[in-house]
Amino acid sequence: MSKKHVKKQQVNEFDETLAASRSFYEKNKKAILYGGGGLLAIIIIALLIHQFYITPRNNRANESIFYAEQAFKDGNYEKALNGDGANMGFLSVIDEYGSTKAGNIACLYAAKCYAATEKYQEAIDMLDKFDGCGDAMISPAALALKGNCYAELGENEKAADLLLKAAKKADNNTISPTCLMQAGQIFEVLGQNDKALDCYNQIKNKYQQSNLYYEIDKYIEALN
């Protein structure tokens, strides 16, 4: 589906929603104006907009991102980002559906594509557009990715700060120990061994079910 056709379809659907809203208002104008039904009208109009505009838009976004996700899984980051002419890539999904959940996830995917091709600043810029998911896995992983991108650019202070935030946000045995280990190693490079030791001790004391727990002692002993 071409961008021109998609945009025309979106406009038509929104016009239909407004028409339905106007129809409701005309039929119930007297009750709304004189019967205290203003709040009811607002609620119904909002429901109409959600049913006829937002939901179909989210559905189209989910369909559009499918090809890009498959290209990403295959390691074809160029096609994942830009599509192949017939199918949309993440960048087009962001452009067309940036306000949807799929558009938001596309920002994270695009950042991963850029990071995988060593375009770290582009990855950071895309992560700035990512609005998070309010969960204990994806959102912390996005922070960790951003931290690693800053580390690749030599901005170690920013990198360590983001990795610590990711570890705290996740607070689980999967993401947190890895982020703390990375932050600790960055602190060692910066000569801040006390902060590095704190990171390693957190792994030892809080994340005993993680794989890193079984090897953290050697890092702690090296700094004592």
N, C-alpha and C. Protein backbone atom coordinates (compact mmCIF):
# COMPACT_ATOMS: atom_id res chain seq x y z
N MET A 1 0.84 -1.19 0.00
CA MET A 1 0.00 0.00 0.00
C MET A 1 0.87 1.24 0.00
N SER A 2 0.62 2.18 -0.90
CA SER A 2 1.45 3.37 -1.00
C SER A 2 1.16 4.32 0.14
N LYS A 3 2.13 5.21 0.43
CA LYS A 3 1.93 6.18 1.50
C LYS A 3 0.74 7.09 1.18
N LYS A 4 0.61 7.47 -0.11
CA LYS A 4 -0.46 8.35 -0.52
C LYS A 4 -1.82 7.71 -0.24
N HIS A 5 -1.91 6.41 -0.56
CA HIS A 5 -3.17 5.69 -0.33
C HIS A 5 -3.46 5.56 1.15
N VAL A 6 -2.40 5.28 1.95
CA VAL A 6 -2.57 5.14 3.40
C VAL A 6 -3.08 6.43 4.00
N LYS A 7 -2.45 7.56 3.62
CA LYS A 7 -2.86 8.83 4.18
C LYS A 7 -4.28 9.18 3.78
N LYS A 8 -4.66 8.89 2.51
CA LYS A 8 -6.02 9.15 2.05
C LYS A 8 -7.02 8.34 2.84
N GLN A 9 -6.66 7.06 3.11
CA GLN A 9 -7.53 6.19 3.90
C GLN A 9 -7.70 6.72 5.31
N GLN A 10 -6.60 7.20 5.91
CA GLN A 10 -6.67 7.75 7.26
C GLN A 10 -7.58 8.96 7.32
N VAL A 11 -7.45 9.85 6.34
CA VAL A 11 -8.29 11.05 6.29
C VAL A 11 -9.75 10.67 6.15
N ASN A 12 -10.04 9.70 5.26
CA ASN A 12 -11.42 9.27 5.05
C ASN A 12 -12.02 8.70 6.33
N GLU A 13 -11.23 7.88 7.04
CA GLU A 13 -11.73 7.28 8.28
C GLU A 13 -11.99 8.34 9.34
N PHE A 14 -11.10 9.32 9.43
CA PHE A 14 -11.29 10.38 10.42
C PHE A 14 -12.51 11.22 10.07
N ASP A 15 -12.71 11.48 8.77
CA ASP A 15 -13.89 12.23 8.34
C ASP A 15 -15.16 11.47 8.70
N GLU A 16 -15.13 10.13 8.54
CA GLU A 16 -16.29 9.32 8.90
C GLU A 16 -16.58 9.41 10.39
N THR A 17 -15.51 9.44 11.19
CA THR A 17 -15.67 9.55 12.64
C THR A 17 -16.31 10.87 13.01
N LEU A 18 -15.82 11.95 12.40
CA LEU A 18 -16.38 13.26 12.68
C LEU A 18 -17.84 13.33 12.24
N ALA A 19 -18.15 12.72 11.09
CA ALA A 19 -19.52 12.72 10.60
C ALA A 19 -20.44 12.00 11.58
N ALA A 20 -19.97 10.86 12.10
CA ALA A 20 -20.76 10.11 13.09
C ALA A 20 -20.97 10.94 14.35
N SER A 21 -19.93 11.68 14.75
CA SER A 21 -20.03 12.53 15.93
C SER A 21 -21.03 13.65 15.72
N ARG A 22 -20.98 14.27 14.53
CA ARG A 22 -21.91 15.35 14.22
C ARG A 22 -23.35 14.82 14.19
N SER A 23 -23.52 13.63 13.62
CA SER A 23 -24.85 13.02 13.55
C SER A 23 -25.42 12.80 14.94
N PHE A 24 -24.56 12.27 15.83
CA PHE A 24 -24.99 12.05 17.21
C PHE A 24 -25.40 13.37 17.85
N TYR A 25 -24.60 14.41 17.62
CA TYR A 25 -24.88 15.71 18.23
C TYR A 25 -26.20 16.28 17.72
N GLU A 26 -26.43 16.21 16.39
CA GLU A 26 -27.66 16.76 15.82
C GLU A 26 -28.89 16.06 16.37
N LYS A 27 -28.81 14.74 16.51
CA LYS A 27 -29.95 13.98 17.00
C LYS A 27 -30.23 14.25 18.48
N ASN A 28 -29.18 14.58 19.21
CA ASN A 28 -29.33 14.72 20.66
C ASN A 28 -28.97 16.12 21.15
N LYS A 29 -29.06 17.09 20.25
CA LYS A 29 -28.60 18.45 20.57
C LYS A 29 -29.37 19.03 21.75
N LYS A 30 -30.68 18.86 21.75
CA LYS A 30 -31.49 19.45 22.81
C LYS A 30 -31.13 18.86 24.17
N ALA A 31 -30.96 17.55 24.21
CA ALA A 31 -30.61 16.90 25.48
C ALA A 31 -29.22 17.32 25.95
N ILE A 32 -28.32 17.47 25.01
CA ILE A 32 -26.95 17.85 25.36
C ILE A 32 -26.90 19.26 25.91
N LEU A 33 -27.63 20.17 25.22
CA LEU A 33 -27.56 21.58 25.59
C LEU A 33 -28.38 21.89 26.84
N TYR A 34 -29.50 21.19 27.00
CA TYR A 34 -30.42 21.56 28.07
C TYR A 34 -30.56 20.50 29.15
N GLY A 35 -30.05 19.33 28.88
CA GLY A 35 -30.25 18.26 29.84
C GLY A 35 -28.99 17.86 30.58
N GLY A 36 -27.95 18.67 30.49
CA GLY A 36 -26.72 18.35 31.19
C GLY A 36 -26.00 17.17 30.61
N GLY A 37 -26.16 16.92 29.31
CA GLY A 37 -25.54 15.75 28.69
C GLY A 37 -24.20 16.01 28.05
N GLY A 38 -23.56 17.13 28.38
CA GLY A 38 -22.29 17.48 27.75
C GLY A 38 -21.21 16.44 27.98
N LEU A 39 -21.10 15.95 29.21
CA LEU A 39 -20.08 14.96 29.52
C LEU A 39 -20.35 13.67 28.77
N LEU A 40 -21.62 13.28 28.68
CA LEU A 40 -21.97 12.07 27.94
C LEU A 40 -21.59 12.20 26.48
N ALA A 41 -21.83 13.38 25.92
CA ALA A 41 -21.48 13.61 24.51
C ALA A 41 -19.99 13.46 24.30
N ILE A 42 -19.20 14.01 25.20
CA ILE A 42 -17.74 13.93 25.09
C ILE A 42 -17.29 12.48 25.15
N ILE A 43 -17.88 11.73 26.06
CA ILE A 43 -17.50 10.32 26.21
C ILE A 43 -17.83 9.54 24.94
N ILE A 44 -19.02 9.76 24.41
CA ILE A 44 -19.44 9.01 23.22
C ILE A 44 -18.60 9.39 22.02
N ILE A 45 -18.31 10.69 21.87
CA ILE A 45 -17.45 11.12 20.76
C ILE A 45 -16.07 10.49 20.88
N ALA A 46 -15.55 10.44 22.10
CA ALA A 46 -14.23 9.82 22.32
C ALA A 46 -14.27 8.34 21.95
N LEU A 47 -15.36 7.66 22.30
CA LEU A 47 -15.49 6.24 21.96
C LEU A 47 -15.58 6.04 20.45
N LEU A 48 -16.28 6.94 19.78
CA LEU A 48 -16.38 6.85 18.32
C LEU A 48 -15.03 7.02 17.67
N ILE A 49 -14.27 8.00 18.14
CA ILE A 49 -12.93 8.24 17.59
C ILE A 49 -12.05 7.02 17.81
N HIS A 50 -12.15 6.43 19.02
CA HIS A 50 -11.34 5.24 19.32
C HIS A 50 -11.72 4.08 18.42
N GLN A 51 -13.04 3.87 18.23
CA GLN A 51 -13.51 2.72 17.46
C GLN A 51 -13.21 2.86 15.98
N PHE A 52 -13.42 4.05 15.42
CA PHE A 52 -13.36 4.21 13.98
C PHE A 52 -12.03 4.77 13.47
N TYR A 53 -11.20 5.27 14.39
CA TYR A 53 -9.94 5.87 13.93
C TYR A 53 -8.73 5.25 14.60
N ILE A 54 -8.69 5.26 15.94
CA ILE A 54 -7.49 4.81 16.65
C ILE A 54 -7.28 3.31 16.50
N THR A 55 -8.33 2.51 16.73
CA THR A 55 -8.19 1.06 16.64
C THR A 55 -7.78 0.59 15.24
N PRO A 56 -8.45 1.05 14.17
CA PRO A 56 -8.00 0.64 12.83
C PRO A 56 -6.58 1.09 12.53
N ARG A 57 -6.22 2.26 13.02
CA ARG A 57 -4.86 2.76 12.79
C ARG A 57 -3.83 1.87 13.48
N ASN A 58 -4.13 1.45 14.71
CA ASN A 58 -3.22 0.53 15.41
C ASN A 58 -3.11 -0.79 14.68
N ASN A 59 -4.25 -1.27 14.16
CA ASN A 59 -4.23 -2.54 13.43
C ASN A 59 -3.37 -2.45 12.17
N ARG A 60 -3.49 -1.35 11.44
CA ARG A 60 -2.68 -1.18 10.23
C ARG A 60 -1.20 -1.08 10.59
N ALA A 61 -0.91 -0.43 11.69
CA ALA A 61 0.48 -0.30 12.12
C ALA A 61 1.07 -1.67 12.45
N ASN A 62 0.29 -2.51 13.14
CA ASN A 62 0.77 -3.84 13.49
C ASN A 62 1.02 -4.68 12.24
N GLU A 63 0.16 -4.53 11.24
CA GLU A 63 0.36 -5.26 9.98
C GLU A 63 1.59 -4.74 9.24
N SER A 64 1.79 -3.43 9.27
CA SER A 64 2.87 -2.82 8.50
C SER A 64 4.25 -3.16 9.05
N ILE A 65 4.33 -3.42 10.35
CA ILE A 65 5.64 -3.65 10.97
C ILE A 65 6.12 -5.09 10.79
N PHE A 66 5.22 -5.97 10.34
CA PHE A 66 5.54 -7.40 10.28
C PHE A 66 6.75 -7.68 9.39
N TYR A 67 6.79 -7.11 8.19
CA TYR A 67 7.91 -7.37 7.27
C TYR A 67 9.23 -6.90 7.89
N ALA A 68 9.22 -5.72 8.48
CA ALA A 68 10.45 -5.17 9.07
C ALA A 68 10.96 -6.06 10.20
N GLU A 69 10.04 -6.60 11.00
CA GLU A 69 10.44 -7.51 12.08
C GLU A 69 11.10 -8.77 11.53
N GLN A 70 10.54 -9.29 10.45
CA GLN A 70 11.12 -10.49 9.85
C GLN A 70 12.51 -10.20 9.29
N ALA A 71 12.67 -9.05 8.64
CA ALA A 71 13.99 -8.67 8.10
C ALA A 71 14.99 -8.50 9.23
N PHE A 72 14.54 -7.95 10.34
CA PHE A 72 15.42 -7.77 11.51
C PHE A 72 15.87 -9.13 12.04
N LYS A 73 14.94 -10.06 12.17
CA LYS A 73 15.28 -11.40 12.67
C LYS A 73 16.28 -12.10 11.75
N ASP A 74 16.20 -11.80 10.45
CA ASP A 74 17.12 -12.40 9.47
C ASP A 74 18.47 -11.68 9.43
N GLY A 75 18.61 -10.60 10.21
CA GLY A 75 19.86 -9.85 10.22
C GLY A 75 20.03 -8.91 9.05
N ASN A 76 18.95 -8.67 8.31
CA ASN A 76 19.00 -7.75 7.16
C ASN A 76 18.55 -6.38 7.65
N TYR A 77 19.49 -5.66 8.27
CA TYR A 77 19.15 -4.42 8.94
C TYR A 77 18.78 -3.30 7.98
N GLU A 78 19.36 -3.31 6.80
CA GLU A 78 19.04 -2.28 5.80
C GLU A 78 17.58 -2.40 5.38
N LYS A 79 17.13 -3.59 5.05
CA LYS A 79 15.73 -3.78 4.67
C LYS A 79 14.81 -3.57 5.86
N ALA A 80 15.27 -3.96 7.04
CA ALA A 80 14.45 -3.75 8.23
C ALA A 80 14.18 -2.26 8.44
N LEU A 81 15.19 -1.46 8.20
CA LEU A 81 15.04 -0.01 8.38
C LEU A 81 14.23 0.64 7.26
N ASN A 82 14.54 0.27 6.02
CA ASN A 82 14.02 1.01 4.87
C ASN A 82 13.00 0.27 4.02
N GLY A 83 12.72 -0.99 4.33
CA GLY A 83 11.77 -1.75 3.54
C GLY A 83 12.37 -2.16 2.20
N ASP A 84 11.52 -2.69 1.33
CA ASP A 84 12.01 -3.14 0.02
C ASP A 84 11.24 -2.53 -1.14
N GLY A 85 10.51 -1.45 -0.87
CA GLY A 85 9.72 -0.83 -1.93
C GLY A 85 8.27 -1.27 -1.87
N ALA A 86 8.06 -2.56 -1.66
CA ALA A 86 6.70 -3.08 -1.55
C ALA A 86 6.24 -3.15 -0.10
N ASN A 87 7.19 -3.32 0.81
CA ASN A 87 6.88 -3.43 2.23
C ASN A 87 7.58 -2.33 3.01
N MET A 88 6.94 -1.89 4.07
CA MET A 88 7.48 -0.80 4.88
C MET A 88 8.59 -1.29 5.79
N GLY A 89 9.60 -0.44 6.00
CA GLY A 89 10.61 -0.68 7.00
C GLY A 89 10.26 0.09 8.26
N PHE A 90 11.07 -0.08 9.29
CA PHE A 90 10.78 0.58 10.57
C PHE A 90 10.68 2.10 10.43
N LEU A 91 11.51 2.70 9.60
CA LEU A 91 11.50 4.15 9.48
C LEU A 91 10.18 4.64 8.90
N SER A 92 9.64 3.91 7.93
CA SER A 92 8.35 4.29 7.35
C SER A 92 7.22 4.08 8.34
N VAL A 93 7.31 3.00 9.11
CA VAL A 93 6.30 2.75 10.14
C VAL A 93 6.29 3.88 11.16
N ILE A 94 7.48 4.32 11.55
CA ILE A 94 7.58 5.44 12.50
C ILE A 94 6.98 6.70 11.90
N ASP A 95 7.27 6.94 10.64
CA ASP A 95 6.77 8.13 9.97
C ASP A 95 5.25 8.13 9.86
N GLU A 96 4.68 6.97 9.52
CA GLU A 96 3.24 6.88 9.29
C GLU A 96 2.45 6.65 10.58
N TYR A 97 3.03 5.86 11.50
CA TYR A 97 2.27 5.43 12.67
C TYR A 97 3.02 5.70 13.97
N GLY A 98 3.73 6.79 14.04
CA GLY A 98 4.57 7.06 15.20
C GLY A 98 3.80 7.15 16.51
N SER A 99 2.52 7.49 16.45
CA SER A 99 1.73 7.65 17.68
C SER A 99 1.13 6.35 18.18
N THR A 100 1.32 5.25 17.44
CA THR A 100 0.76 3.96 17.84
C THR A 100 1.79 3.15 18.63
N LYS A 101 1.32 2.05 19.25
CA LYS A 101 2.24 1.17 19.98
C LYS A 101 3.26 0.55 19.03
N ALA A 102 2.79 0.15 17.85
CA ALA A 102 3.71 -0.44 16.88
C ALA A 102 4.74 0.59 16.42
N GLY A 103 4.30 1.83 16.25
CA GLY A 103 5.23 2.90 15.86
C GLY A 103 6.28 3.14 16.93
N ASN A 104 5.86 3.03 18.19
CA ASN A 104 6.79 3.21 19.30
C ASN A 104 7.82 2.08 19.33
N ILE A 105 7.35 0.83 19.19
CA ILE A 105 8.26 -0.32 19.17
C ILE A 105 9.20 -0.23 17.96
N ALA A 106 8.71 0.31 16.86
CA ALA A 106 9.55 0.46 15.66
C ALA A 106 10.76 1.35 15.96
N CYS A 107 10.60 2.32 16.85
CA CYS A 107 11.74 3.18 17.24
C CYS A 107 12.83 2.35 17.90
N LEU A 108 12.42 1.42 18.76
CA LEU A 108 13.39 0.56 19.44
C LEU A 108 14.07 -0.38 18.46
N TYR A 109 13.29 -0.97 17.57
CA TYR A 109 13.86 -1.84 16.55
C TYR A 109 14.85 -1.08 15.67
N ALA A 110 14.46 0.12 15.27
CA ALA A 110 15.35 0.93 14.42
C ALA A 110 16.65 1.23 15.14
N ALA A 111 16.56 1.52 16.43
CA ALA A 111 17.77 1.77 17.23
C ALA A 111 18.67 0.55 17.24
N LYS A 112 18.08 -0.63 17.38
CA LYS A 112 18.86 -1.87 17.37
C LYS A 112 19.54 -2.08 16.01
N CYS A 113 18.83 -1.74 14.95
CA CYS A 113 19.42 -1.85 13.61
C CYS A 113 20.62 -0.94 13.46
N TYR A 114 20.48 0.30 13.92
CA TYR A 114 21.59 1.25 13.83
C TYR A 114 22.77 0.81 14.69
N ALA A 115 22.48 0.31 15.89
CA ALA A 115 23.56 -0.14 16.78
C ALA A 115 24.28 -1.33 16.17
N ALA A 116 23.52 -2.23 15.54
CA ALA A 116 24.12 -3.42 14.93
C ALA A 116 25.02 -3.07 13.76
N THR A 117 24.78 -1.92 13.14
CA THR A 117 25.60 -1.47 12.01
C THR A 117 26.56 -0.36 12.42
N GLU A 118 26.77 -0.24 13.75
CA GLU A 118 27.75 0.68 14.34
C GLU A 118 27.43 2.15 14.06
N LYS A 119 26.17 2.46 13.90
CA LYS A 119 25.73 3.85 13.78
C LYS A 119 25.14 4.26 15.12
N TYR A 120 26.04 4.48 16.07
CA TYR A 120 25.63 4.61 17.46
C TYR A 120 24.87 5.90 17.75
N GLN A 121 25.26 7.00 17.14
CA GLN A 121 24.54 8.25 17.39
C GLN A 121 23.13 8.17 16.83
N GLU A 122 22.98 7.55 15.65
CA GLU A 122 21.65 7.36 15.08
C GLU A 122 20.79 6.48 15.99
N ALA A 123 21.42 5.48 16.59
CA ALA A 123 20.70 4.62 17.52
C ALA A 123 20.22 5.41 18.73
N ILE A 124 21.08 6.26 19.26
CA ILE A 124 20.72 7.09 20.41
C ILE A 124 19.57 8.02 20.05
N ASP A 125 19.65 8.64 18.89
CA ASP A 125 18.58 9.55 18.46
C ASP A 125 17.24 8.82 18.36
N MET A 126 17.29 7.59 17.88
CA MET A 126 16.05 6.82 17.76
C MET A 126 15.53 6.40 19.14
N LEU A 127 16.44 6.07 20.05
CA LEU A 127 16.02 5.71 21.40
C LEU A 127 15.40 6.89 22.13
N ASP A 128 15.81 8.10 21.77
CA ASP A 128 15.20 9.30 22.36
C ASP A 128 13.72 9.41 21.97
N LYS A 129 13.35 8.81 20.85
CA LYS A 129 11.96 8.82 20.40
C LYS A 129 11.13 7.70 21.03
N PHE A 130 11.82 6.68 21.53
CA PHE A 130 11.13 5.54 22.12
C PHE A 130 10.53 5.94 23.46
N ASP A 131 9.23 5.66 23.64
CA ASP A 131 8.50 6.15 24.80
C ASP A 131 8.41 5.14 25.92
N GLY A 132 9.12 4.03 25.81
CA GLY A 132 9.07 3.01 26.85
C GLY A 132 7.80 2.18 26.76
N CYS A 133 7.78 1.09 27.53
CA CYS A 133 6.61 0.20 27.53
C CYS A 133 6.07 -0.03 28.93
N GLY A 134 6.68 0.58 29.92
CA GLY A 134 6.21 0.42 31.29
C GLY A 134 6.35 -0.99 31.83
N ASP A 135 7.36 -1.72 31.34
CA ASP A 135 7.54 -3.10 31.77
C ASP A 135 8.92 -3.29 32.39
N ALA A 136 9.20 -4.53 32.81
CA ALA A 136 10.46 -4.81 33.49
C ALA A 136 11.51 -5.40 32.56
N MET A 137 11.23 -5.46 31.28
CA MET A 137 12.20 -6.06 30.36
C MET A 137 12.55 -5.12 29.20
N ILE A 138 11.55 -4.73 28.40
CA ILE A 138 11.83 -3.97 27.19
C ILE A 138 12.37 -2.58 27.51
N SER A 139 11.71 -1.87 28.41
CA SER A 139 12.15 -0.51 28.74
C SER A 139 13.56 -0.47 29.34
N PRO A 140 13.87 -1.34 30.32
CA PRO A 140 15.25 -1.37 30.82
C PRO A 140 16.26 -1.76 29.75
N ALA A 141 15.87 -2.69 28.86
CA ALA A 141 16.78 -3.11 27.79
C ALA A 141 17.08 -1.93 26.86
N ALA A 142 16.08 -1.07 26.65
CA ALA A 142 16.29 0.11 25.81
C ALA A 142 17.28 1.07 26.48
N LEU A 143 17.17 1.25 27.79
CA LEU A 143 18.13 2.08 28.53
C LEU A 143 19.53 1.49 28.45
N ALA A 144 19.61 0.17 28.58
CA ALA A 144 20.91 -0.51 28.51
C ALA A 144 21.54 -0.33 27.12
N LEU A 145 20.72 -0.47 26.09
CA LEU A 145 21.21 -0.29 24.73
C LEU A 145 21.75 1.12 24.53
N LYS A 146 21.03 2.09 25.06
CA LYS A 146 21.48 3.48 24.96
C LYS A 146 22.81 3.67 25.68
N GLY A 147 22.92 3.05 26.86
CA GLY A 147 24.17 3.12 27.61
C GLY A 147 25.33 2.52 26.84
N ASN A 148 25.10 1.38 26.21
CA ASN A 148 26.16 0.74 25.42
C ASN A 148 26.55 1.58 24.21
N CYS A 149 25.57 2.27 23.61
CA CYS A 149 25.88 3.15 22.48
C CYS A 149 26.77 4.31 22.92
N TYR A 150 26.45 4.89 24.08
CA TYR A 150 27.30 5.96 24.61
C TYR A 150 28.70 5.46 24.92
N ALA A 151 28.78 4.22 25.43
CA ALA A 151 30.09 3.64 25.71
C ALA A 151 30.90 3.49 24.43
N GLU A 152 30.25 3.07 23.35
CA GLU A 152 30.93 2.92 22.06
C GLU A 152 31.42 4.27 21.54
N LEU A 153 30.74 5.33 21.91
CA LEU A 153 31.14 6.68 21.49
C LEU A 153 32.14 7.31 22.45
N GLY A 154 32.52 6.56 23.50
CA GLY A 154 33.52 7.05 24.44
C GLY A 154 32.96 7.95 25.52
N GLU A 155 31.63 8.04 25.62
CA GLU A 155 31.02 8.88 26.66
C GLU A 155 30.67 7.99 27.86
N ASN A 156 31.71 7.66 28.61
CA ASN A 156 31.58 6.63 29.63
C ASN A 156 30.73 7.03 30.83
N GLU A 157 30.77 8.29 31.21
CA GLU A 157 29.96 8.73 32.35
C GLU A 157 28.48 8.55 32.05
N LYS A 158 28.06 8.99 30.86
CA LYS A 158 26.66 8.82 30.45
C LYS A 158 26.32 7.34 30.36
N ALA A 159 27.24 6.57 29.82
CA ALA A 159 27.00 5.14 29.65
C ALA A 159 26.76 4.47 30.99
N ALA A 160 27.62 4.72 31.96
CA ALA A 160 27.49 4.09 33.27
C ALA A 160 26.20 4.50 33.96
N ASP A 161 25.85 5.79 33.86
CA ASP A 161 24.63 6.28 34.48
C ASP A 161 23.40 5.57 33.92
N LEU A 162 23.35 5.41 32.62
CA LEU A 162 22.21 4.75 31.99
C LEU A 162 22.14 3.27 32.33
N LEU A 163 23.29 2.63 32.42
CA LEU A 163 23.32 1.21 32.77
C LEU A 163 22.85 0.99 34.21
N LEU A 164 23.21 1.90 35.10
CA LEU A 164 22.72 1.80 36.47
C LEU A 164 21.21 2.01 36.54
N LYS A 165 20.71 2.95 35.75
CA LYS A 165 19.27 3.18 35.71
C LYS A 165 18.54 1.96 35.15
N ALA A 166 19.13 1.34 34.14
CA ALA A 166 18.52 0.15 33.54
C ALA A 166 18.47 -0.99 34.56
N ALA A 167 19.56 -1.16 35.31
CA ALA A 167 19.61 -2.22 36.33
C ALA A 167 18.55 -2.00 37.40
N LYS A 168 18.41 -0.76 37.83
CA LYS A 168 17.43 -0.44 38.87
C LYS A 168 16.01 -0.62 38.36
N LYS A 169 15.76 -0.19 37.12
CA LYS A 169 14.42 -0.28 36.54
C LYS A 169 13.99 -1.72 36.35
N ALA A 170 14.92 -2.55 35.90
CA ALA A 170 14.60 -3.97 35.65
C ALA A 170 14.45 -4.73 36.96
N ASP A 171 15.45 -4.61 37.81
CA ASP A 171 15.48 -5.32 39.09
C ASP A 171 15.11 -6.79 38.93
N ASN A 172 15.79 -7.46 38.01
CA ASN A 172 15.59 -8.89 37.83
C ASN A 172 16.92 -9.57 37.56
N ASN A 173 16.92 -10.89 37.58
CA ASN A 173 18.16 -11.66 37.45
C ASN A 173 18.66 -11.77 36.02
N THR A 174 17.91 -11.23 35.07
CA THR A 174 18.30 -11.31 33.67
C THR A 174 19.06 -10.07 33.22
N ILE A 175 18.44 -8.91 33.37
CA ILE A 175 19.01 -7.66 32.86
C ILE A 175 19.92 -6.98 33.87
N SER A 176 19.48 -6.92 35.11
CA SER A 176 20.21 -6.13 36.12
C SER A 176 21.67 -6.55 36.30
N PRO A 177 21.99 -7.84 36.47
CA PRO A 177 23.39 -8.21 36.66
C PRO A 177 24.28 -7.83 35.48
N THR A 178 23.76 -8.01 34.27
CA THR A 178 24.54 -7.66 33.08
C THR A 178 24.83 -6.17 33.04
N CYS A 179 23.81 -5.36 33.34
CA CYS A 179 24.00 -3.90 33.35
C CYS A 179 24.97 -3.48 34.44
N LEU A 180 24.86 -4.10 35.60
CA LEU A 180 25.77 -3.76 36.70
C LEU A 180 27.20 -4.16 36.38
N MET A 181 27.37 -5.30 35.73
CA MET A 181 28.71 -5.72 35.33
C MET A 181 29.31 -4.74 34.33
N GLN A 182 28.52 -4.35 33.34
CA GLN A 182 29.01 -3.40 32.34
C GLN A 182 29.33 -2.06 32.98
N ALA A 183 28.46 -1.59 33.86
CA ALA A 183 28.71 -0.33 34.55
C ALA A 183 29.98 -0.42 35.40
N GLY A 184 30.15 -1.55 36.10
CA GLY A 184 31.35 -1.74 36.92
C GLY A 184 32.62 -1.69 36.11
N GLN A 185 32.61 -2.32 34.95
CA GLN A 185 33.80 -2.32 34.10
C GLN A 185 34.10 -0.92 33.56
N ILE A 186 33.03 -0.15 33.28
CA ILE A 186 33.23 1.22 32.83
C ILE A 186 33.82 2.05 33.97
N PHE A 187 33.32 1.87 35.18
CA PHE A 187 33.85 2.60 36.33
C PHE A 187 35.34 2.27 36.55
N GLU A 188 35.72 1.02 36.32
CA GLU A 188 37.13 0.66 36.43
C GLU A 188 37.97 1.42 35.41
N VAL A 189 37.47 1.52 34.20
CA VAL A 189 38.18 2.29 33.16
C VAL A 189 38.33 3.75 33.58
N LEU A 190 37.29 4.27 34.25
CA LEU A 190 37.31 5.66 34.69
C LEU A 190 38.15 5.85 35.96
N GLY A 191 38.65 4.74 36.51
CA GLY A 191 39.43 4.82 37.75
C GLY A 191 38.59 5.00 38.99
N GLN A 192 37.29 4.70 38.88
CA GLN A 192 36.38 4.86 40.02
C GLN A 192 36.07 3.47 40.60
N ASN A 193 37.10 2.90 41.23
CA ASN A 193 37.00 1.52 41.68
C ASN A 193 35.97 1.32 42.78
N ASP A 194 35.71 2.36 43.57
CA ASP A 194 34.71 2.22 44.63
C ASP A 194 33.31 2.02 44.03
N LYS A 195 33.03 2.73 42.96
CA LYS A 195 31.74 2.57 42.28
C LYS A 195 31.67 1.22 41.57
N ALA A 196 32.78 0.80 41.01
CA ALA A 196 32.82 -0.51 40.37
C ALA A 196 32.54 -1.60 41.39
N LEU A 197 33.18 -1.48 42.55
CA LEU A 197 33.00 -2.48 43.61
C LEU A 197 31.55 -2.52 44.08
N ASP A 198 30.92 -1.36 44.15
CA ASP A 198 29.52 -1.31 44.55
C ASP A 198 28.64 -2.08 43.55
N CYS A 199 28.94 -1.92 42.28
CA CYS A 199 28.19 -2.64 41.24
C CYS A 199 28.34 -4.15 41.41
N TYR A 200 29.57 -4.59 41.62
CA TYR A 200 29.83 -6.02 41.76
C TYR A 200 29.18 -6.59 43.02
N ASN A 201 29.21 -5.81 44.09
CA ASN A 201 28.59 -6.26 45.34
C ASN A 201 27.07 -6.37 45.21
N GLN A 202 26.49 -5.50 44.41
CA GLN A 202 25.04 -5.60 44.17
C GLN A 202 24.70 -6.92 43.49
N ILE A 203 25.53 -7.30 42.54
CA ILE A 203 25.30 -8.59 41.86
C ILE A 203 25.38 -9.73 42.87
N LYS A 204 26.40 -9.67 43.74
CA LYS A 204 26.62 -10.74 44.72
C LYS A 204 25.49 -10.82 45.75
N ASN A 205 24.98 -9.66 46.15
CA ASN A 205 24.01 -9.62 47.25
C ASN A 205 22.54 -9.68 46.80
N LYS A 206 22.27 -9.24 45.57
CA LYS A 206 20.87 -9.12 45.15
C LYS A 206 20.46 -10.11 44.06
N TYR A 207 21.41 -10.55 43.25
CA TYR A 207 21.03 -11.34 42.08
C TYR A 207 21.72 -12.70 42.08
N GLN A 208 21.40 -13.46 43.11
CA GLN A 208 22.07 -14.74 43.33
C GLN A 208 21.56 -15.84 42.39
N GLN A 209 20.51 -15.57 41.65
CA GLN A 209 20.00 -16.54 40.68
C GLN A 209 20.55 -16.29 39.27
N SER A 210 21.40 -15.30 39.14
CA SER A 210 21.95 -14.98 37.82
C SER A 210 23.23 -15.76 37.55
N ASN A 211 23.57 -15.88 36.29
CA ASN A 211 24.80 -16.58 35.90
C ASN A 211 26.04 -15.82 36.39
N LEU A 212 25.96 -14.49 36.39
CA LEU A 212 27.12 -13.69 36.80
C LEU A 212 27.43 -13.84 38.28
N TYR A 213 26.47 -14.25 39.07
CA TYR A 213 26.69 -14.43 40.50
C TYR A 213 27.85 -15.39 40.77
N TYR A 214 27.98 -16.42 39.94
CA TYR A 214 28.96 -17.48 40.20
C TYR A 214 30.39 -17.08 39.83
N GLU A 215 30.54 -15.94 39.17
CA GLU A 215 31.90 -15.50 38.84
C GLU A 215 32.23 -14.11 39.35
N ILE A 216 31.31 -13.52 40.11
CA ILE A 216 31.51 -12.13 40.55
C ILE A 216 32.59 -11.99 41.59
N ASP A 217 32.85 -13.05 42.36
CA ASP A 217 33.86 -12.95 43.43
C ASP A 217 35.23 -12.55 42.91
N LYS A 218 35.61 -13.03 41.75
CA LYS A 218 36.95 -12.71 41.25
C LYS A 218 37.07 -11.22 40.91
N TYR A 219 35.96 -10.59 40.51
CA TYR A 219 35.98 -9.16 40.22
C TYR A 219 36.07 -8.35 41.52
N ILE A 220 35.36 -8.86 42.53
CA ILE A 220 35.41 -8.19 43.84
C ILE A 220 36.80 -8.31 44.46
N GLU A 221 37.36 -9.50 44.41
CA GLU A 221 38.68 -9.72 44.99
C GLU A 221 39.75 -8.90 44.28
N ALA A 222 39.62 -8.69 43.00
CA ALA A 222 40.61 -7.91 42.26
C ALA A 222 40.65 -6.46 42.67
N LEU A 223 39.55 -5.97 43.28
CA LEU A 223 39.50 -4.57 43.69
C LEU A 223 39.72 -4.39 45.19
N ASN A 224 39.84 -5.47 45.92
CA ASN A 224 40.06 -5.37 47.38
C ASN A 224 41.55 -5.46 47.72
